[in-house]
N, C-alpha and C. Protein backbone atom coordinates (compact mmCIF):
# COMPACT_ATOMS: atom_id res chain seq x y z
N MET A 1 -15.09 28.94 -42.30
CA MET A 1 -16.18 27.99 -42.32
C MET A 1 -15.65 26.56 -42.32
N ASN A 2 -14.63 26.32 -43.10
CA ASN A 2 -14.07 24.98 -43.21
C ASN A 2 -13.42 24.56 -41.89
N HIS A 3 -12.76 25.50 -41.22
CA HIS A 3 -12.11 25.18 -39.95
C HIS A 3 -13.13 24.84 -38.86
N SER A 4 -14.24 25.52 -38.88
CA SER A 4 -15.26 25.26 -37.86
C SER A 4 -15.86 23.86 -38.02
N LYS A 5 -16.00 23.37 -39.26
CA LYS A 5 -16.49 22.01 -39.48
C LYS A 5 -15.49 20.98 -38.98
N ILE A 6 -14.22 21.23 -39.19
CA ILE A 6 -13.19 20.30 -38.73
C ILE A 6 -13.15 20.28 -37.20
N ILE A 7 -13.21 21.44 -36.58
CA ILE A 7 -13.19 21.51 -35.13
C ILE A 7 -14.44 20.84 -34.55
N PHE A 8 -15.60 21.06 -35.15
CA PHE A 8 -16.82 20.43 -34.67
C PHE A 8 -16.74 18.91 -34.81
N THR A 9 -16.21 18.43 -35.92
CA THR A 9 -16.06 16.99 -36.14
C THR A 9 -15.10 16.38 -35.12
N LEU A 10 -13.99 17.04 -34.87
CA LEU A 10 -13.03 16.54 -33.87
C LEU A 10 -13.63 16.54 -32.47
N LEU A 11 -14.44 17.52 -32.16
CA LEU A 11 -15.10 17.58 -30.87
C LEU A 11 -16.08 16.42 -30.69
N ILE A 12 -16.87 16.15 -31.72
CA ILE A 12 -17.83 15.04 -31.66
C ILE A 12 -17.10 13.70 -31.53
N VAL A 13 -16.05 13.52 -32.31
CA VAL A 13 -15.28 12.27 -32.25
C VAL A 13 -14.64 12.09 -30.88
N SER A 14 -14.08 13.15 -30.32
CA SER A 14 -13.44 13.03 -29.00
C SER A 14 -14.45 12.72 -27.91
N VAL A 15 -15.65 13.26 -28.00
CA VAL A 15 -16.69 12.96 -27.02
C VAL A 15 -17.11 11.49 -27.13
N LEU A 16 -17.30 11.00 -28.35
CA LEU A 16 -17.71 9.61 -28.54
C LEU A 16 -16.62 8.63 -28.11
N VAL A 17 -15.39 8.92 -28.46
CA VAL A 17 -14.29 8.01 -28.11
C VAL A 17 -14.05 8.01 -26.60
N SER A 18 -14.13 9.16 -25.96
CA SER A 18 -13.89 9.21 -24.51
C SER A 18 -14.98 8.49 -23.75
N SER A 19 -16.21 8.49 -24.25
CA SER A 19 -17.27 7.77 -23.54
C SER A 19 -17.08 6.27 -23.65
N VAL A 20 -16.48 5.80 -24.72
CA VAL A 20 -16.20 4.37 -24.86
C VAL A 20 -14.98 3.98 -24.05
N ALA A 21 -14.03 4.88 -23.91
CA ALA A 21 -12.75 4.55 -23.29
C ALA A 21 -12.80 4.53 -21.77
N TRP A 22 -13.84 5.06 -21.14
CA TRP A 22 -13.88 5.04 -19.69
C TRP A 22 -13.96 3.62 -19.20
N GLY A 23 -13.23 3.32 -18.16
CA GLY A 23 -13.25 1.99 -17.57
C GLY A 23 -12.48 1.98 -16.27
N GLU A 24 -12.46 0.81 -15.65
CA GLU A 24 -11.75 0.63 -14.39
C GLU A 24 -10.52 -0.23 -14.61
N LEU A 25 -9.43 0.16 -14.01
CA LEU A 25 -8.20 -0.61 -14.07
C LEU A 25 -7.70 -0.82 -12.65
N HIS A 26 -7.61 -2.08 -12.24
CA HIS A 26 -7.11 -2.44 -10.92
C HIS A 26 -5.84 -3.27 -11.09
N ILE A 27 -4.77 -2.83 -10.45
CA ILE A 27 -3.52 -3.59 -10.44
C ILE A 27 -3.17 -3.85 -8.98
N VAL A 28 -3.10 -5.13 -8.64
CA VAL A 28 -2.84 -5.52 -7.25
C VAL A 28 -1.57 -6.37 -7.20
N PRO A 29 -0.52 -5.90 -6.53
CA PRO A 29 0.67 -6.73 -6.36
C PRO A 29 0.41 -7.79 -5.29
N THR A 30 0.84 -9.02 -5.57
CA THR A 30 0.66 -10.11 -4.62
C THR A 30 1.99 -10.80 -4.36
N LEU A 31 2.06 -11.47 -3.24
CA LEU A 31 3.25 -12.20 -2.85
C LEU A 31 2.80 -13.54 -2.28
N SER A 32 3.27 -14.63 -2.88
CA SER A 32 2.91 -15.96 -2.43
C SER A 32 4.13 -16.59 -1.76
N LEU A 33 3.91 -17.18 -0.60
CA LEU A 33 4.98 -17.81 0.16
C LEU A 33 4.59 -19.26 0.41
N ARG A 34 5.49 -20.18 0.04
CA ARG A 34 5.19 -21.61 0.19
C ARG A 34 6.37 -22.30 0.85
N GLU A 35 6.09 -23.19 1.77
CA GLU A 35 7.12 -23.94 2.48
C GLU A 35 6.92 -25.42 2.17
N GLU A 36 8.02 -26.11 1.89
CA GLU A 36 7.95 -27.52 1.52
C GLU A 36 9.05 -28.30 2.23
N TYR A 37 8.69 -29.47 2.75
CA TYR A 37 9.68 -30.34 3.37
C TYR A 37 10.05 -31.43 2.38
N ASN A 38 11.35 -31.66 2.22
CA ASN A 38 11.82 -32.69 1.29
C ASN A 38 12.99 -33.41 1.95
N ASP A 39 12.96 -34.74 1.92
CA ASP A 39 14.04 -35.49 2.54
C ASP A 39 15.03 -36.07 1.52
N ASN A 40 14.86 -35.76 0.24
CA ASN A 40 15.78 -36.24 -0.79
C ASN A 40 16.25 -35.07 -1.65
N ILE A 41 16.89 -34.11 -1.03
CA ILE A 41 17.34 -32.94 -1.79
C ILE A 41 18.51 -33.30 -2.69
N PHE A 42 19.51 -33.99 -2.14
CA PHE A 42 20.65 -34.43 -2.93
C PHE A 42 20.47 -35.92 -3.16
N LEU A 43 20.28 -36.31 -4.40
CA LEU A 43 20.00 -37.72 -4.72
C LEU A 43 21.27 -38.54 -4.90
N GLU A 44 22.41 -37.98 -4.56
CA GLU A 44 23.68 -38.72 -4.62
C GLU A 44 23.78 -39.66 -3.42
N ARG A 45 24.91 -39.77 -2.85
CA ARG A 45 25.12 -40.67 -1.70
C ARG A 45 24.49 -40.13 -0.43
N ASP A 46 24.65 -38.85 -0.21
CA ASP A 46 24.16 -38.26 1.05
C ASP A 46 22.72 -37.83 0.89
N GLU A 47 21.86 -38.43 1.67
CA GLU A 47 20.47 -37.98 1.69
C GLU A 47 20.34 -36.90 2.75
N ALA A 48 19.82 -35.79 2.36
CA ALA A 48 19.64 -34.69 3.30
C ALA A 48 18.17 -34.32 3.34
N SER A 49 17.74 -33.86 4.48
CA SER A 49 16.36 -33.39 4.59
C SER A 49 16.39 -31.91 4.94
N ASP A 50 15.45 -31.19 4.37
CA ASP A 50 15.47 -29.75 4.56
C ASP A 50 14.11 -29.18 4.22
N PHE A 51 13.86 -27.98 4.75
CA PHE A 51 12.69 -27.21 4.37
C PHE A 51 13.10 -26.26 3.24
N ILE A 52 12.28 -26.20 2.21
CA ILE A 52 12.54 -25.34 1.06
C ILE A 52 11.47 -24.27 1.03
N THR A 53 11.87 -23.02 0.90
CA THR A 53 10.94 -21.89 0.86
C THR A 53 10.87 -21.33 -0.56
N PHE A 54 9.66 -21.17 -1.05
CA PHE A 54 9.43 -20.60 -2.37
C PHE A 54 8.71 -19.26 -2.19
N ILE A 55 9.23 -18.21 -2.81
CA ILE A 55 8.60 -16.89 -2.79
C ILE A 55 8.27 -16.52 -4.23
N GLN A 56 6.99 -16.19 -4.48
CA GLN A 56 6.55 -15.90 -5.84
C GLN A 56 5.80 -14.57 -5.87
N PRO A 57 6.44 -13.50 -6.37
CA PRO A 57 5.72 -12.24 -6.55
C PRO A 57 4.94 -12.25 -7.87
N SER A 58 3.81 -11.56 -7.90
CA SER A 58 3.02 -11.49 -9.14
C SER A 58 2.13 -10.26 -9.10
N LEU A 59 1.49 -9.99 -10.22
CA LEU A 59 0.55 -8.88 -10.35
C LEU A 59 -0.80 -9.41 -10.78
N LEU A 60 -1.84 -8.95 -10.13
CA LEU A 60 -3.22 -9.23 -10.52
C LEU A 60 -3.73 -8.02 -11.28
N ILE A 61 -4.17 -8.20 -12.51
CA ILE A 61 -4.64 -7.08 -13.33
C ILE A 61 -6.10 -7.34 -13.71
N ASP A 62 -6.94 -6.36 -13.44
CA ASP A 62 -8.37 -6.45 -13.77
C ASP A 62 -8.75 -5.14 -14.46
N TRP A 63 -9.17 -5.24 -15.73
CA TRP A 63 -9.49 -4.06 -16.54
C TRP A 63 -10.89 -4.23 -17.10
N ASN A 64 -11.81 -3.35 -16.73
CA ASN A 64 -13.20 -3.41 -17.16
C ASN A 64 -13.54 -2.15 -17.95
N THR A 65 -14.03 -2.32 -19.18
CA THR A 65 -14.51 -1.21 -20.00
C THR A 65 -15.89 -1.57 -20.52
N LYS A 66 -16.46 -0.65 -21.28
CA LYS A 66 -17.77 -0.93 -21.88
C LYS A 66 -17.68 -2.00 -22.96
N LEU A 67 -16.51 -2.12 -23.60
CA LEU A 67 -16.37 -3.06 -24.71
C LEU A 67 -15.93 -4.45 -24.27
N PHE A 68 -15.09 -4.55 -23.23
CA PHE A 68 -14.57 -5.85 -22.83
C PHE A 68 -14.15 -5.83 -21.37
N ASP A 69 -14.00 -7.03 -20.80
CA ASP A 69 -13.47 -7.23 -19.46
C ASP A 69 -12.22 -8.11 -19.57
N LEU A 70 -11.14 -7.66 -18.99
CA LEU A 70 -9.88 -8.40 -19.04
C LEU A 70 -9.41 -8.66 -17.64
N SER A 71 -9.12 -9.91 -17.32
CA SER A 71 -8.64 -10.27 -16.00
C SER A 71 -7.44 -11.19 -16.16
N LEU A 72 -6.30 -10.78 -15.63
CA LEU A 72 -5.09 -11.58 -15.68
C LEU A 72 -4.68 -11.95 -14.27
N ASP A 73 -4.70 -13.25 -13.99
CA ASP A 73 -4.33 -13.78 -12.69
C ASP A 73 -3.35 -14.92 -12.91
N PRO A 74 -2.05 -14.68 -12.75
CA PRO A 74 -1.07 -15.72 -13.07
C PRO A 74 -1.05 -16.88 -12.09
N ILE A 75 -1.62 -16.72 -10.89
CA ILE A 75 -1.54 -17.78 -9.89
C ILE A 75 -2.57 -18.86 -10.12
N SER A 76 -3.81 -18.49 -10.45
CA SER A 76 -4.86 -19.51 -10.58
C SER A 76 -4.86 -20.19 -11.92
């Protein structure tokens, strides 16, 4: 009798917790590419001009549940 109460209680708790825990998780890898022209790369005697390329990888994370919404966007 005692075991059946414990099993029933665990079943009810697991049903309630699982209904709260359902949500959507989106993870999107992104890659940003930027090109910049600069004519004063070396500020010593020799002035040089060059194009500089910047590559920035990042992850976009969007997590929606019944309790909260979490959005992480490092670029904006």
